[in-house]
Amino acid sequence: MSGEQRELTFRFLAEPTDVNYGGKVHGGVVMKWIDQVGYAAAVGWAGRYSVTVAVG
């Protein structure tokens, strides 16, 4: 997030390997997406490298 930008928009498209036979996205894939968005927000806020410590 550069300058005065205060909003991020992420869109994810599930690949065929990301879903089960019922068409639902696997939980691990969703957690990966959450982690990626969290990282982008944390780096934008802190201005430096960040890691996920916990999700809850």
PDB file of N, CA and C in Angstrom:
ATOM      1  N   MET A   1       0.855  -1.169   0.000  1.00  0.00           N
ATOM      2  CA  MET A   1       0.000   0.000   0.000  1.00  0.00           C
ATOM      3  C   MET A   1       0.894   1.222   0.000  1.00  0.00           C
ATOM      4  N   SER A   2       0.886   1.912  -1.072  1.00  0.00           N
ATOM      5  CA  SER A   2       1.756   3.078  -1.183  1.00  0.00           C
ATOM      6  C   SER A   2       0.997   4.364  -0.886  1.00  0.00           C
ATOM      7  N   GLY A   3       1.721   5.330  -0.341  1.00  0.00           N
ATOM      8  CA  GLY A   3       1.136   6.647  -0.102  1.00  0.00           C
ATOM      9  C   GLY A   3      -0.052   6.603   0.832  1.00  0.00           C
ATOM     10  N   GLU A   4      -1.168   7.130   0.360  1.00  0.00           N
ATOM     11  CA  GLU A   4      -2.374   7.233   1.177  1.00  0.00           C
ATOM     12  C   GLU A   4      -3.354   6.090   0.954  1.00  0.00           C
ATOM     13  N   GLN A   5      -2.982   5.095   0.199  1.00  0.00           N
ATOM     14  CA  GLN A   5      -3.891   3.986  -0.071  1.00  0.00           C
ATOM     15  C   GLN A   5      -4.204   3.241   1.220  1.00  0.00           C
ATOM     16  N   ARG A   6      -5.480   3.047   1.516  1.00  0.00           N
ATOM     17  CA  ARG A   6      -5.893   2.389   2.751  1.00  0.00           C
ATOM     18  C   ARG A   6      -6.718   1.134   2.496  1.00  0.00           C
ATOM     19  N   GLU A   7      -6.796   0.697   1.261  1.00  0.00           N
ATOM     20  CA  GLU A   7      -7.654  -0.433   0.937  1.00  0.00           C
ATOM     21  C   GLU A   7      -6.951  -1.359  -0.037  1.00  0.00           C
ATOM     22  N   LEU A   8      -7.071  -2.641   0.212  1.00  0.00           N
ATOM     23  CA  LEU A   8      -6.563  -3.665  -0.691  1.00  0.00           C
ATOM     24  C   LEU A   8      -7.737  -4.476  -1.207  1.00  0.00           C
ATOM     25  N   THR A   9      -7.678  -4.872  -2.449  1.00  0.00           N
ATOM     26  CA  THR A   9      -8.688  -5.763  -3.003  1.00  0.00           C
ATOM     27  C   THR A   9      -7.976  -6.958  -3.614  1.00  0.00           C
ATOM     28  N   PHE A  10      -8.286  -8.124  -3.116  1.00  0.00           N
ATOM     29  CA  PHE A  10      -7.731  -9.362  -3.647  1.00  0.00           C
ATOM     30  C   PHE A  10      -8.867 -10.191  -4.213  1.00  0.00           C
ATOM     31  N   ARG A  11      -8.600 -10.845  -5.318  1.00  0.00           N
ATOM     32  CA  ARG A  11      -9.560 -11.784  -5.902  1.00  0.00           C
ATOM     33  C   ARG A  11      -8.805 -13.059  -6.219  1.00  0.00           C
ATOM     34  N   PHE A  12      -9.382 -14.170  -5.828  1.00  0.00           N
ATOM     35  CA  PHE A  12      -8.754 -15.460  -6.066  1.00  0.00           C
ATOM     36  C   PHE A  12      -9.675 -16.308  -6.931  1.00  0.00           C
ATOM     37  N   LEU A  13      -9.092 -16.982  -7.877  1.00  0.00           N
ATOM     38  CA  LEU A  13      -9.828 -17.893  -8.742  1.00  0.00           C
ATOM     39  C   LEU A  13      -9.362 -19.301  -8.416  1.00  0.00           C
ATOM     40  N   ALA A  14     -10.275 -20.132  -7.969  1.00  0.00           N
ATOM     41  CA  ALA A  14      -9.921 -21.501  -7.604  1.00  0.00           C
ATOM     42  C   ALA A  14      -9.591 -22.304  -8.858  1.00  0.00           C
ATOM     43  N   GLU A  15      -8.469 -22.972  -8.810  1.00  0.00           N
ATOM     44  CA  GLU A  15      -8.070 -23.861  -9.897  1.00  0.00           C
ATOM     45  C   GLU A  15      -8.716 -25.224  -9.675  1.00  0.00           C
ATOM     46  N   PRO A  16      -8.790 -26.052 -10.711  1.00  0.00           N
ATOM     47  CA  PRO A  16      -9.409 -27.373 -10.550  1.00  0.00           C
ATOM     48  C   PRO A  16      -8.787 -28.200  -9.418  1.00  0.00           C
ATOM     49  N   THR A  17      -7.505 -28.025  -9.162  1.00  0.00           N
ATOM     50  CA  THR A  17      -6.851 -28.780  -8.088  1.00  0.00           C
ATOM     51  C   THR A  17      -7.165 -28.216  -6.706  1.00  0.00           C
ATOM     52  N   ASP A  18      -7.806 -27.051  -6.637  1.00  0.00           N
ATOM     53  CA  ASP A  18      -8.135 -26.404  -5.363  1.00  0.00           C
ATOM     54  C   ASP A  18      -9.474 -26.848  -4.790  1.00  0.00           C
ATOM     55  N   VAL A  19     -10.251 -27.599  -5.562  1.00  0.00           N
ATOM     56  CA  VAL A  19     -11.599 -27.963  -5.132  1.00  0.00           C
ATOM     57  C   VAL A  19     -11.751 -29.477  -5.021  1.00  0.00           C
ATOM     58  N   ASN A  20     -12.739 -29.887  -4.204  1.00  0.00           N
ATOM     59  CA  ASN A  20     -13.031 -31.310  -4.071  1.00  0.00           C
ATOM     60  C   ASN A  20     -14.082 -31.717  -5.101  1.00  0.00           C
ATOM     61  N   TYR A  21     -14.544 -32.958  -5.012  1.00  0.00           N
ATOM     62  CA  TYR A  21     -15.508 -33.458  -5.997  1.00  0.00           C
ATOM     63  C   TYR A  21     -16.852 -32.754  -5.920  1.00  0.00           C
ATOM     64  N   GLY A  22     -17.160 -32.148  -4.793  1.00  0.00           N
ATOM     65  CA  GLY A  22     -18.412 -31.412  -4.644  1.00  0.00           C
ATOM     66  C   GLY A  22     -18.324 -29.968  -5.103  1.00  0.00           C
ATOM     67  N   GLY A  23     -17.125 -29.542  -5.564  1.00  0.00           N
ATOM     68  CA  GLY A  23     -16.955 -28.180  -6.038  1.00  0.00           C
ATOM     69  C   GLY A  23     -16.618 -27.177  -4.946  1.00  0.00           C
ATOM     70  N   LYS A  24     -16.346 -27.658  -3.746  1.00  0.00           N
ATOM     71  CA  LYS A  24     -16.001 -26.777  -2.624  1.00  0.00           C
ATOM     72  C   LYS A  24     -14.485 -26.619  -2.541  1.00  0.00           C
ATOM     73  N   VAL A  25     -14.042 -25.406  -2.237  1.00  0.00           N
ATOM     74  CA  VAL A  25     -12.608 -25.131  -2.129  1.00  0.00           C
ATOM     75  C   VAL A  25     -12.079 -25.761  -0.845  1.00  0.00           C
ATOM     76  N   HIS A  26     -10.920 -26.418  -0.935  1.00  0.00           N
ATOM     77  CA  HIS A  26     -10.282 -27.039   0.223  1.00  0.00           C
ATOM     78  C   HIS A  26      -9.927 -25.974   1.261  1.00  0.00           C
ATOM     79  N   GLY A  27     -10.070 -26.316   2.532  1.00  0.00           N
ATOM     80  CA  GLY A  27      -9.786 -25.386   3.621  1.00  0.00           C
ATOM     81  C   GLY A  27      -8.357 -24.881   3.622  1.00  0.00           C
ATOM     82  N   GLY A  28      -7.414 -25.746   3.273  1.00  0.00           N
ATOM     83  CA  GLY A  28      -6.011 -25.339   3.234  1.00  0.00           C
ATOM     84  C   GLY A  28      -5.749 -24.274   2.187  1.00  0.00           C
ATOM     85  N   VAL A  29      -6.471 -24.347   1.079  1.00  0.00           N
ATOM     86  CA  VAL A  29      -6.328 -23.346   0.014  1.00  0.00           C
ATOM     87  C   VAL A  29      -6.853 -22.004   0.504  1.00  0.00           C
ATOM     88  N   VAL A  30      -7.984 -22.027   1.175  1.00  0.00           N
ATOM     89  CA  VAL A  30      -8.552 -20.788   1.720  1.00  0.00           C
ATOM     90  C   VAL A  30      -7.604 -20.183   2.753  1.00  0.00           C
ATOM     91  N   MET A  31      -7.011 -21.016   3.596  1.00  0.00           N
ATOM     92  CA  MET A  31      -6.056 -20.512   4.591  1.00  0.00           C
ATOM     93  C   MET A  31      -4.838 -19.892   3.911  1.00  0.00           C
ATOM     94  N   LYS A  32      -4.396 -20.470   2.804  1.00  0.00           N
ATOM     95  CA  LYS A  32      -3.274 -19.900   2.053  1.00  0.00           C
ATOM     96  C   LYS A  32      -3.644 -18.517   1.537  1.00  0.00           C
ATOM     97  N   TRP A  33      -4.863 -18.375   1.018  1.00  0.00           N
ATOM     98  CA  TRP A  33      -5.317 -17.075   0.519  1.00  0.00           C
ATOM     99  C   TRP A  33      -5.395 -16.058   1.659  1.00  0.00           C
ATOM    100  N   ILE A  34      -5.926 -16.475   2.806  1.00  0.00           N
ATOM    101  CA  ILE A  34      -6.013 -15.583   3.962  1.00  0.00           C
ATOM    102  C   ILE A  34      -4.620 -15.128   4.376  1.00  0.00           C
ATOM    103  N   ASP A  35      -3.661 -16.052   4.361  1.00  0.00           N
ATOM    104  CA  ASP A  35      -2.289 -15.727   4.738  1.00  0.00           C
ATOM    105  C   ASP A  35      -1.676 -14.723   3.767  1.00  0.00           C
ATOM    106  N   GLN A  36      -1.936 -14.887   2.480  1.00  0.00           N
ATOM    107  CA  GLN A  36      -1.394 -13.960   1.482  1.00  0.00           C
ATOM    108  C   GLN A  36      -1.961 -12.555   1.656  1.00  0.00           C
ATOM    109  N   VAL A  37      -3.253 -12.460   1.895  1.00  0.00           N
ATOM    110  CA  VAL A  37      -3.882 -11.152   2.098  1.00  0.00           C
ATOM    111  C   VAL A  37      -3.396 -10.527   3.405  1.00  0.00           C
ATOM    112  N   GLY A  38      -3.298 -11.334   4.447  1.00  0.00           N
ATOM    113  CA  GLY A  38      -2.794 -10.833   5.720  1.00  0.00           C
ATOM    114  C   GLY A  38      -1.377 -10.304   5.605  1.00  0.00           C
ATOM    115  N   TYR A  39      -0.550 -11.005   4.837  1.00  0.00           N
ATOM    116  CA  TYR A  39       0.827 -10.552   4.629  1.00  0.00           C
ATOM    117  C   TYR A  39       0.848  -9.204   3.915  1.00  0.00           C
ATOM    118  N   ALA A  40       0.058  -9.079   2.856  1.00  0.00           N
ATOM    119  CA  ALA A  40       0.030  -7.822   2.102  1.00  0.00           C
ATOM    120  C   ALA A  40      -0.426  -6.662   2.983  1.00  0.00           C
ATOM    121  N   ALA A  41      -1.446  -6.902   3.805  1.00  0.00           N
ATOM    122  CA  ALA A  41      -1.934  -5.849   4.698  1.00  0.00           C
ATOM    123  C   ALA A  41      -0.892  -5.505   5.761  1.00  0.00           C
ATOM    124  N   ALA A  42      -0.242  -6.518   6.324  1.00  0.00           N
ATOM    125  CA  ALA A  42       0.752  -6.281   7.376  1.00  0.00           C
ATOM    126  C   ALA A  42       1.962  -5.531   6.844  1.00  0.00           C
ATOM    127  N   VAL A  43       2.447  -5.902   5.678  1.00  0.00           N
ATOM    128  CA  VAL A  43       3.600  -5.219   5.086  1.00  0.00           C
ATOM    129  C   VAL A  43       3.236  -3.779   4.740  1.00  0.00           C
ATOM    130  N   GLY A  44       2.023  -3.572   4.230  1.00  0.00           N
ATOM    131  CA  GLY A  44       1.581  -2.218   3.924  1.00  0.00           C
ATOM    132  C   GLY A  44       1.484  -1.357   5.162  1.00  0.00           C
ATOM    133  N   TRP A  45       1.047  -1.949   6.258  1.00  0.00           N
ATOM    134  CA  TRP A  45       0.905  -1.202   7.501  1.00  0.00           C
ATOM    135  C   TRP A  45       2.255  -0.992   8.185  1.00  0.00           C
ATOM    136  N   ALA A  46       3.057  -2.068   8.279  1.00  0.00           N
ATOM    137  CA  ALA A  46       4.328  -1.990   9.002  1.00  0.00           C
ATOM    138  C   ALA A  46       5.460  -1.432   8.150  1.00  0.00           C
ATOM    139  N   GLY A  47       5.350  -1.595   6.846  1.00  0.00           N
ATOM    140  CA  GLY A  47       6.398  -1.106   5.961  1.00  0.00           C
ATOM    141  C   GLY A  47       7.632  -1.985   5.914  1.00  0.00           C
ATOM    142  N   ARG A  48       7.513  -3.216   6.425  1.00  0.00           N
ATOM    143  CA  ARG A  48       8.641  -4.143   6.369  1.00  0.00           C
ATOM    144  C   ARG A  48       8.130  -5.577   6.418  1.00  0.00           C
ATOM    145  N   TYR A  49       9.040  -6.521   6.313  1.00  0.00           N
ATOM    146  CA  TYR A  49       8.716  -7.942   6.277  1.00  0.00           C
ATOM    147  C   TYR A  49       7.881  -8.346   7.487  1.00  0.00           C
ATOM    148  N   SER A  50       6.897  -9.201   7.257  1.00  0.00           N
ATOM    149  CA  SER A  50       6.024  -9.674   8.330  1.00  0.00           C
ATOM    150  C   SER A  50       5.740 -11.157   8.138  1.00  0.00           C
ATOM    151  N   VAL A  51       5.362 -11.816   9.213  1.00  0.00           N
ATOM    152  CA  VAL A  51       4.982 -13.226   9.153  1.00  0.00           C
ATOM    153  C   VAL A  51       3.679 -13.432   9.922  1.00  0.00           C
ATOM    154  N   THR A  52       2.970 -14.500   9.587  1.00  0.00           N
ATOM    155  CA  THR A  52       1.767 -14.870  10.312  1.00  0.00           C
ATOM    156  C   THR A  52       2.165 -15.660  11.547  1.00  0.00           C
ATOM    157  N   VAL A  53       1.696 -15.218  12.698  1.00  0.00           N
ATOM    158  CA  VAL A  53       1.983 -15.926  13.942  1.00  0.00           C
ATOM    159  C   VAL A  53       0.816 -16.829  14.307  1.00  0.00           C
ATOM    160  N   ALA A  54      -0.403 -16.326  14.129  1.00  0.00           N
ATOM    161  CA  ALA A  54      -1.581 -17.111  14.491  1.00  0.00           C
ATOM    162  C   ALA A  54      -2.784 -16.627  13.698  1.00  0.00           C
ATOM    163  N   VAL A  55      -3.737 -17.521  13.510  1.00  0.00           N
ATOM    164  CA  VAL A  55      -5.019 -17.193  12.893  1.00  0.00           C
ATOM    165  C   VAL A  55      -6.082 -17.714  13.845  1.00  0.00           C
ATOM    166  N   GLY A  56      -7.030 -16.861  14.162  1.00  0.00           N
ATOM    167  CA  GLY A  56      -8.029 -17.352  15.107  1.00  0.00           C
ATOM    168  C   GLY A  56      -9.202 -16.463  15.256  1.00  0.00           C
TER     169      GLY A  56
END
